[in-house]
């Protein structure tokens, strides 16, 4: 009724047997697979982005910064009764933050993009002559 599964307990002499070394290898493999994404994974994800997804990402970051700035300005105006001055100031701050975010994200995407090959290059007008 009780069948042997082929598992053996490690010997009591302190040396790792086949079961414990296999377990250690499986633990290491599982830990390496569950690590958080590093720069290589982020770069690979950015490399696979299409032009439309890049544009949507940059546009949404820009609009989100402006909306957050406007929301903070509106709430400060309600609280301090300075309408509409803080709203206007914070919209400008949100605009500046949005431009900064777009520049940072575009630079990150350009760093992660593969370098152009000779087949990808478009000849200049001067080279056509």
C-alpha atoms as a PDB file:
ATOM      1  CA  UNK A   1       0.000   0.000   0.000  1.00  0.00           C
ATOM      2  CA  UNK A   2       2.734   2.458   0.879  1.00  0.00           C
ATOM      3  CA  UNK A   3       4.912   2.834  -2.176  1.00  0.00           C
ATOM      4  CA  UNK A   4       8.408   4.220  -2.034  1.00  0.00           C
ATOM      5  CA  UNK A   5       8.660   7.547  -3.874  1.00  0.00           C
ATOM      6  CA  UNK A   6      12.372   7.252  -4.284  1.00  0.00           C
ATOM      7  CA  UNK A   7      13.133  10.000  -1.766  1.00  0.00           C
ATOM      8  CA  UNK A   8      15.904   9.438   0.668  1.00  0.00           C
ATOM      9  CA  UNK A   9      16.631  11.329   3.800  1.00  0.00           C
ATOM     10  CA  UNK A  10      19.998  13.037   3.915  1.00  0.00           C
ATOM     11  CA  UNK A  11      22.620  11.159   5.804  1.00  0.00           C
ATOM     12  CA  UNK A  12      23.267  12.231   9.364  1.00  0.00           C
ATOM     13  CA  UNK A  13      27.017  12.702   8.794  1.00  0.00           C
ATOM     14  CA  UNK A  14      26.465  16.368   7.824  1.00  0.00           C
ATOM     15  CA  UNK A  15      27.323  16.013   4.138  1.00  0.00           C
ATOM     16  CA  UNK A  16      24.574  17.063   1.747  1.00  0.00           C
ATOM     17  CA  UNK A  17      23.032  14.191  -0.070  1.00  0.00           C
ATOM     18  CA  UNK A  18      21.380  14.232  -3.480  1.00  0.00           C
ATOM     19  CA  UNK A  19      18.058  15.381  -2.052  1.00  0.00           C
ATOM     20  CA  UNK A  20      19.424  18.436  -0.260  1.00  0.00           C
ATOM     21  CA  UNK A  21      21.645  19.572  -3.135  1.00  0.00           C
ATOM     22  CA  UNK A  22      18.711  19.268  -5.528  1.00  0.00           C
ATOM     23  CA  UNK A  23      16.548  21.255  -3.128  1.00  0.00           C
ATOM     24  CA  UNK A  24      19.176  23.982  -2.813  1.00  0.00           C
ATOM     25  CA  UNK A  25      19.432  24.223  -6.599  1.00  0.00           C
ATOM     26  CA  UNK A  26      15.655  24.469  -6.961  1.00  0.00           C
ATOM     27  CA  UNK A  27      15.477  27.173  -4.270  1.00  0.00           C
ATOM     28  CA  UNK A  28      18.187  29.218  -6.010  1.00  0.00           C
ATOM     29  CA  UNK A  29      16.393  28.872  -9.349  1.00  0.00           C
ATOM     30  CA  UNK A  30      13.053  29.950  -7.839  1.00  0.00           C
ATOM     31  CA  UNK A  31      14.646  32.941  -6.123  1.00  0.00           C
ATOM     32  CA  UNK A  32      16.350  34.091  -9.296  1.00  0.00           C
ATOM     33  CA  UNK A  33      13.070  33.813 -11.251  1.00  0.00           C
ATOM     34  CA  UNK A  34      11.104  35.821  -8.682  1.00  0.00           C
ATOM     35  CA  UNK A  35      13.549  38.726  -8.431  1.00  0.00           C
ATOM     36  CA  UNK A  36      12.184  42.157  -9.168  1.00  0.00           C
ATOM     37  CA  UNK A  37      12.729  43.421 -12.689  1.00  0.00           C
ATOM     38  CA  UNK A  38      16.084  45.053 -13.161  1.00  0.00           C
ATOM     39  CA  UNK A  39      17.361  47.484 -15.708  1.00  0.00           C
ATOM     40  CA  UNK A  40      17.596  44.757 -18.344  1.00  0.00           C
ATOM     41  CA  UNK A  41      13.907  43.879 -18.082  1.00  0.00           C
ATOM     42  CA  UNK A  42      12.868  47.548 -18.132  1.00  0.00           C
ATOM     43  CA  UNK A  43      15.073  48.188 -21.156  1.00  0.00           C
ATOM     44  CA  UNK A  44      13.579  45.164 -22.923  1.00  0.00           C
ATOM     45  CA  UNK A  45      10.054  46.401 -22.184  1.00  0.00           C
ATOM     46  CA  UNK A  46      10.896  49.859 -23.545  1.00  0.00           C
ATOM     47  CA  UNK A  47      12.451  48.301 -26.648  1.00  0.00           C
ATOM     48  CA  UNK A  48       9.232  46.465 -27.423  1.00  0.00           C
ATOM     49  CA  UNK A  49       7.035  49.572 -27.223  1.00  0.00           C
ATOM     50  CA  UNK A  50       5.406  50.688 -30.452  1.00  0.00           C
ATOM     51  CA  UNK A  51       5.324  54.297 -31.526  1.00  0.00           C
ATOM     52  CA  UNK A  52       1.698  54.625 -30.514  1.00  0.00           C
ATOM     53  CA  UNK A  53       2.316  53.261 -27.024  1.00  0.00           C
ATOM     54  CA  UNK A  54       5.259  55.615 -26.555  1.00  0.00           C
ATOM     55  CA  UNK A  55       3.134  58.568 -27.622  1.00  0.00           C
ATOM     56  CA  UNK A  56       0.280  57.571 -25.325  1.00  0.00           C
ATOM     57  CA  UNK A  57       2.669  57.174 -22.406  1.00  0.00           C
ATOM     58  CA  UNK A  58       4.270  60.565 -22.955  1.00  0.00           C
ATOM     59  CA  UNK A  59       0.924  62.278 -23.513  1.00  0.00           C
ATOM     60  CA  UNK A  60      -0.674  60.770 -20.440  1.00  0.00           C
ATOM     61  CA  UNK A  61       2.291  61.767 -18.271  1.00  0.00           C
ATOM     62  CA  UNK A  62       2.057  65.331 -19.554  1.00  0.00           C
ATOM     63  CA  UNK A  63      -1.716  65.633 -19.040  1.00  0.00           C
ATOM     64  CA  UNK A  64      -1.549  63.976 -15.606  1.00  0.00           C
ATOM     65  CA  UNK A  65       1.007  66.494 -14.359  1.00  0.00           C
ATOM     66  CA  UNK A  66      -1.129  69.424 -15.512  1.00  0.00           C
ATOM     67  CA  UNK A  67      -4.278  67.969 -13.931  1.00  0.00           C
ATOM     68  CA  UNK A  68      -2.528  67.303 -10.627  1.00  0.00           C
ATOM     69  CA  UNK A  69      -1.180  70.853 -10.572  1.00  0.00           C
ATOM     70  CA  UNK A  70      -4.608  72.285 -11.381  1.00  0.00           C
ATOM     71  CA  UNK A  71      -6.264  70.145  -8.696  1.00  0.00           C
ATOM     72  CA  UNK A  72      -3.793  71.223  -6.037  1.00  0.00           C
ATOM     73  CA  UNK A  73      -4.186  74.865  -7.067  1.00  0.00           C
ATOM     74  CA  UNK A  74      -7.975  74.637  -6.967  1.00  0.00           C
ATOM     75  CA  UNK A  75      -7.947  73.071  -3.502  1.00  0.00           C
ATOM     76  CA  UNK A  76      -5.492  75.677  -2.209  1.00  0.00           C
ATOM     77  CA  UNK A  77      -7.682  78.433  -3.679  1.00  0.00           C
ATOM     78  CA  UNK A  78     -10.731  77.042  -1.857  1.00  0.00           C
ATOM     79  CA  UNK A  79      -8.819  76.767   1.392  1.00  0.00           C
ATOM     80  CA  UNK A  80      -7.030  80.159   1.272  1.00  0.00           C
ATOM     81  CA  UNK A  81      -9.775  82.079  -0.601  1.00  0.00           C
ATOM     82  CA  UNK A  82      -7.298  83.369  -3.207  1.00  0.00           C
ATOM     83  CA  UNK A  83      -9.268  82.385  -6.287  1.00  0.00           C
ATOM     84  CA  UNK A  84      -8.014  82.085  -9.133  1.00  0.00           C
ATOM     85  CA  UNK A  85      -4.359  82.931  -8.461  1.00  0.00           C
ATOM     86  CA  UNK A  86      -3.088  79.695  -6.959  1.00  0.00           C
ATOM     87  CA  UNK A  87      -4.954  77.721  -9.614  1.00  0.00           C
ATOM     88  CA  UNK A  88      -3.116  79.635 -12.348  1.00  0.00           C
ATOM     89  CA  UNK A  89       0.254  79.304 -10.625  1.00  0.00           C
ATOM     90  CA  UNK A  90      -0.166  75.586 -10.028  1.00  0.00           C
ATOM     91  CA  UNK A  91      -1.302  74.970 -13.626  1.00  0.00           C
ATOM     92  CA  UNK A  92       1.981  76.545 -14.737  1.00  0.00           C
ATOM     93  CA  UNK A  93       3.916  74.442 -12.221  1.00  0.00           C
ATOM     94  CA  UNK A  94       2.071  71.343 -13.488  1.00  0.00           C
ATOM     95  CA  UNK A  95       2.938  72.287 -17.063  1.00  0.00           C
ATOM     96  CA  UNK A  96       6.624  72.604 -16.147  1.00  0.00           C
ATOM     97  CA  UNK A  97       6.528  69.267 -14.300  1.00  0.00           C
ATOM     98  CA  UNK A  98       4.821  67.650 -17.296  1.00  0.00           C
ATOM     99  CA  UNK A  99       7.483  68.911 -19.694  1.00  0.00           C
ATOM    100  CA  UNK A 100      10.196  67.639 -17.336  1.00  0.00           C
ATOM    101  CA  UNK A 101       8.515  64.216 -17.107  1.00  0.00           C
ATOM    102  CA  UNK A 102       8.190  63.961 -20.882  1.00  0.00           C
ATOM    103  CA  UNK A 103      11.841  64.885 -21.428  1.00  0.00           C
ATOM    104  CA  UNK A 104      12.967  62.353 -18.814  1.00  0.00           C
ATOM    105  CA  UNK A 105      10.793  59.566 -20.211  1.00  0.00           C
ATOM    106  CA  UNK A 106      11.819  60.257 -23.799  1.00  0.00           C
ATOM    107  CA  UNK A 107      15.497  60.174 -22.807  1.00  0.00           C
ATOM    108  CA  UNK A 108      14.925  56.861 -20.996  1.00  0.00           C
ATOM    109  CA  UNK A 109      13.185  55.394 -24.049  1.00  0.00           C
ATOM    110  CA  UNK A 110      15.983  56.560 -26.338  1.00  0.00           C
ATOM    111  CA  UNK A 111      18.613  54.987 -24.072  1.00  0.00           C
ATOM    112  CA  UNK A 112      16.712  51.691 -24.055  1.00  0.00           C
ATOM    113  CA  UNK A 113      16.129  51.640 -27.822  1.00  0.00           C
ATOM    114  CA  UNK A 114      18.525  49.543 -29.907  1.00  0.00           C
ATOM    115  CA  UNK A 115      21.025  51.482 -32.000  1.00  0.00           C
ATOM    116  CA  UNK A 116      19.970  51.911 -35.629  1.00  0.00           C
ATOM    117  CA  UNK A 117      21.462  49.552 -38.156  1.00  0.00           C
ATOM    118  CA  UNK A 118      22.496  50.417 -41.692  1.00  0.00           C
ATOM    119  CA  UNK A 119      19.200  49.035 -43.010  1.00  0.00           C
ATOM    120  CA  UNK A 120      17.237  51.312 -40.683  1.00  0.00           C
ATOM    121  CA  UNK A 121      18.997  54.510 -41.753  1.00  0.00           C
ATOM    122  CA  UNK A 122      17.226  56.832 -44.134  1.00  0.00           C
ATOM    123  CA  UNK A 123      19.626  58.527 -46.551  1.00  0.00           C
ATOM    124  CA  UNK A 124      19.873  62.291 -46.416  1.00  0.00           C
ATOM    125  CA  UNK A 125      19.106  64.419 -49.447  1.00  0.00           C
ATOM    126  CA  UNK A 126      22.815  65.141 -49.833  1.00  0.00           C
ATOM    127  CA  UNK A 127      23.589  61.409 -50.131  1.00  0.00           C
ATOM    128  CA  UNK A 128      21.077  60.973 -52.966  1.00  0.00           C
ATOM    129  CA  UNK A 129      23.038  63.126 -55.369  1.00  0.00           C
END
